[in-house]
Amino acid sequence: MYNKQIRSTLKEQMEHKIQADKIQIDMKNRATEIVMEQDRKDIEQEKQRQIDRAKLLLHFTVKNKELMESKWEYDNWNRTHQWHVERAVLADTPINWSKTMT
């Protein structure tokens, strides 16, 4: 009888220990899942920030290209216009009587 009681007490203690270990493992698993989910969300947010930044930088690149092309076009037009003005001035100026500077 005494041995039976000791065995049953030990059995109960082992069952309680097993149950406590299961609960602890479940809690650790839940905590791990929460951390993994948060990590996944953070990675997704970082990826989205990088995509948004790349889009913004691409927009700046396109606008800068447009500005440079516009400036080149204006400079080209201005140079051509200046040549025409200089030719007209050289043609009309009394200093160039022999028209050798055209």
C-alpha atoms as a PDB file:
ATOM      1  CA  MET A   1       0.000   0.000   0.000  1.00  0.00           C
ATOM      2  CA  TYR A   2       2.792   2.396   0.900  1.00  0.00           C
ATOM      3  CA  ASN A   3       4.629   1.598  -2.346  1.00  0.00           C
ATOM      4  CA  LYS A   4       1.403   2.046  -4.289  1.00  0.00           C
ATOM      5  CA  GLN A   5       0.914   5.495  -2.776  1.00  0.00           C
ATOM      6  CA  ILE A   6       4.511   6.472  -3.530  1.00  0.00           C
ATOM      7  CA  ARG A   7       4.120   5.237  -7.113  1.00  0.00           C
ATOM      8  CA  SER A   8       0.858   7.118  -7.602  1.00  0.00           C
ATOM      9  CA  THR A   9       2.390  10.279  -6.113  1.00  0.00           C
ATOM     10  CA  LEU A  10       5.406   9.956  -8.390  1.00  0.00           C
ATOM     11  CA  LYS A  11       3.094   9.295 -11.323  1.00  0.00           C
ATOM     12  CA  GLU A  12       1.098  12.446 -10.529  1.00  0.00           C
ATOM     13  CA  GLN A  13       4.277  14.476 -10.161  1.00  0.00           C
ATOM     14  CA  MET A  14       5.545  13.182 -13.511  1.00  0.00           C
ATOM     15  CA  GLU A  15       2.201  13.972 -15.167  1.00  0.00           C
ATOM     16  CA  HIS A  16       2.237  17.484 -13.675  1.00  0.00           C
ATOM     17  CA  LYS A  17       5.824  17.924 -14.864  1.00  0.00           C
ATOM     18  CA  ILE A  18       4.940  16.684 -18.352  1.00  0.00           C
ATOM     19  CA  GLN A  19       1.881  18.965 -18.427  1.00  0.00           C
ATOM     20  CA  ALA A  20       3.947  21.946 -17.224  1.00  0.00           C
ATOM     21  CA  ASP A  21       6.621  21.191 -19.844  1.00  0.00           C
ATOM     22  CA  LYS A  22       3.945  20.991 -22.571  1.00  0.00           C
ATOM     23  CA  ILE A  23       2.494  24.321 -21.470  1.00  0.00           C
ATOM     24  CA  GLN A  24       5.952  25.880 -21.411  1.00  0.00           C
ATOM     25  CA  ILE A  25       6.755  24.502 -24.881  1.00  0.00           C
ATOM     26  CA  ASP A  26       3.413  25.796 -26.202  1.00  0.00           C
ATOM     27  CA  MET A  27       4.134  29.243 -24.746  1.00  0.00           C
ATOM     28  CA  LYS A  28       7.603  29.261 -26.302  1.00  0.00           C
ATOM     29  CA  ASN A  29       6.124  28.162 -29.634  1.00  0.00           C
ATOM     30  CA  ARG A  30       3.543  30.957 -29.508  1.00  0.00           C
ATOM     31  CA  ALA A  31       6.225  33.489 -28.603  1.00  0.00           C
ATOM     32  CA  THR A  32       8.378  32.241 -31.475  1.00  0.00           C
ATOM     33  CA  GLU A  33       5.443  32.478 -33.895  1.00  0.00           C
ATOM     34  CA  ILE A  34       4.731  36.037 -32.742  1.00  0.00           C
ATOM     35  CA  VAL A  35       8.374  37.040 -33.189  1.00  0.00           C
ATOM     36  CA  MET A  36       8.532  35.372 -36.608  1.00  0.00           C
ATOM     37  CA  GLU A  37       5.322  37.120 -37.701  1.00  0.00           C
ATOM     38  CA  GLN A  38       6.661  40.477 -36.508  1.00  0.00           C
ATOM     39  CA  ASP A  39       9.939  39.812 -38.313  1.00  0.00           C
ATOM     40  CA  ARG A  40       8.049  38.944 -41.504  1.00  0.00           C
ATOM     41  CA  LYS A  41       6.040  42.169 -41.209  1.00  0.00           C
ATOM     42  CA  ASP A  42       9.206  44.195 -40.631  1.00  0.00           C
ATOM     43  CA  ILE A  43      10.884  42.609 -43.642  1.00  0.00           C
ATOM     44  CA  GLU A  44       7.794  43.322 -45.760  1.00  0.00           C
ATOM     45  CA  GLN A  45       7.715  46.949 -44.581  1.00  0.00           C
ATOM     46  CA  GLU A  46      11.422  47.371 -45.328  1.00  0.00           C
ATOM     47  CA  LYS A  47      10.905  45.894 -48.791  1.00  0.00           C
ATOM     48  CA  GLN A  48       8.004  48.294 -49.402  1.00  0.00           C
ATOM     49  CA  ARG A  49      10.123  51.241 -48.208  1.00  0.00           C
ATOM     50  CA  GLN A  50      12.875  50.225 -50.607  1.00  0.00           C
ATOM     51  CA  ILE A  51      10.377  49.947 -53.467  1.00  0.00           C
ATOM     52  CA  ASP A  52       8.916  53.372 -52.642  1.00  0.00           C
ATOM     53  CA  ARG A  53      12.404  54.883 -52.406  1.00  0.00           C
ATOM     54  CA  ALA A  54      13.385  53.324 -55.746  1.00  0.00           C
ATOM     55  CA  LYS A  55      10.237  54.768 -57.345  1.00  0.00           C
ATOM     56  CA  LEU A  56      10.996  58.199 -55.893  1.00  0.00           C
ATOM     57  CA  LEU A  57      14.603  58.086 -57.099  1.00  0.00           C
ATOM     58  CA  LEU A  58      13.470  56.917 -60.536  1.00  0.00           C
ATOM     59  CA  HIS A  59      11.046  59.847 -60.647  1.00  0.00           C
ATOM     60  CA  PHE A  60      13.908  62.230 -59.797  1.00  0.00           C
ATOM     61  CA  THR A  61      16.071  60.605 -62.457  1.00  0.00           C
ATOM     62  CA  VAL A  62      13.377  61.024 -65.103  1.00  0.00           C
ATOM     63  CA  LYS A  63      12.747  64.655 -64.116  1.00  0.00           C
ATOM     64  CA  ASN A  64      16.483  65.421 -64.115  1.00  0.00           C
ATOM     65  CA  LYS A  65      16.803  63.838 -67.549  1.00  0.00           C
ATOM     66  CA  GLU A  66      13.912  65.958 -68.825  1.00  0.00           C
ATOM     67  CA  LEU A  67      15.478  69.089 -67.344  1.00  0.00           C
ATOM     68  CA  MET A  68      18.864  68.330 -68.890  1.00  0.00           C
ATOM     69  CA  GLU A  69      17.324  67.603 -72.295  1.00  0.00           C
ATOM     70  CA  SER A  70      15.330  70.821 -72.075  1.00  0.00           C
ATOM     71  CA  LYS A  71      18.470  72.762 -71.136  1.00  0.00           C
ATOM     72  CA  TRP A  72      20.437  71.180 -73.993  1.00  0.00           C
ATOM     73  CA  GLU A  73      17.620  72.033 -76.408  1.00  0.00           C
ATOM     74  CA  TYR A  74      17.479  75.618 -75.133  1.00  0.00           C
ATOM     75  CA  ASP A  75      21.283  75.978 -75.275  1.00  0.00           C
ATOM     76  CA  ASN A  76      21.297  74.651 -78.836  1.00  0.00           C
ATOM     77  CA  TRP A  77      18.510  77.019 -79.864  1.00  0.00           C
ATOM     78  CA  ASN A  78      20.216  79.920 -78.083  1.00  0.00           C
ATOM     79  CA  ARG A  79      23.559  79.159 -79.796  1.00  0.00           C
ATOM     80  CA  THR A  80      21.880  78.993 -83.214  1.00  0.00           C
ATOM     81  CA  HIS A  81      19.969  82.190 -82.532  1.00  0.00           C
ATOM     82  CA  GLN A  82      23.161  83.921 -81.396  1.00  0.00           C
ATOM     83  CA  TRP A  83      24.914  82.844 -84.608  1.00  0.00           C
ATOM     84  CA  HIS A  84      22.078  84.339 -86.674  1.00  0.00           C
ATOM     85  CA  VAL A  85      22.225  87.579 -84.699  1.00  0.00           C
ATOM     86  CA  GLU A  86      25.997  87.779 -85.085  1.00  0.00           C
ATOM     87  CA  ARG A  87      25.756  87.125 -88.832  1.00  0.00           C
ATOM     88  CA  ALA A  88      23.115  89.829 -89.162  1.00  0.00           C
ATOM     89  CA  VAL A  89      25.261  92.265 -87.195  1.00  0.00           C
ATOM     90  CA  LEU A  90      28.339  91.413 -89.266  1.00  0.00           C
ATOM     91  CA  ALA A  91      26.348  91.812 -92.476  1.00  0.00           C
ATOM     92  CA  ASP A  92      25.003  95.215 -91.441  1.00  0.00           C
ATOM     93  CA  THR A  93      28.036  96.696 -89.769  1.00  0.00           C
ATOM     94  CA  PRO A  94      29.955  99.369 -91.688  1.00  0.00           C
ATOM     95  CA  ILE A  95      33.259  97.992 -90.342  1.00  0.00           C
ATOM     96  CA  ASN A  96      32.979  94.923 -92.558  1.00  0.00           C
ATOM     97  CA  TRP A  97      32.875  96.670 -95.952  1.00  0.00           C
ATOM     98  CA  SER A  98      34.414  93.830 -97.868  1.00  0.00           C
ATOM     99  CA  LYS A  99      32.114  91.193 -96.305  1.00  0.00           C
ATOM    100  CA  THR A 100      35.085  88.945 -95.530  1.00  0.00           C
ATOM    101  CA  MET A 101      33.961  88.083 -91.981  1.00  0.00           C
ATOM    102  CA  THR A 102      30.845  86.122 -92.945  1.00  0.00           C
END
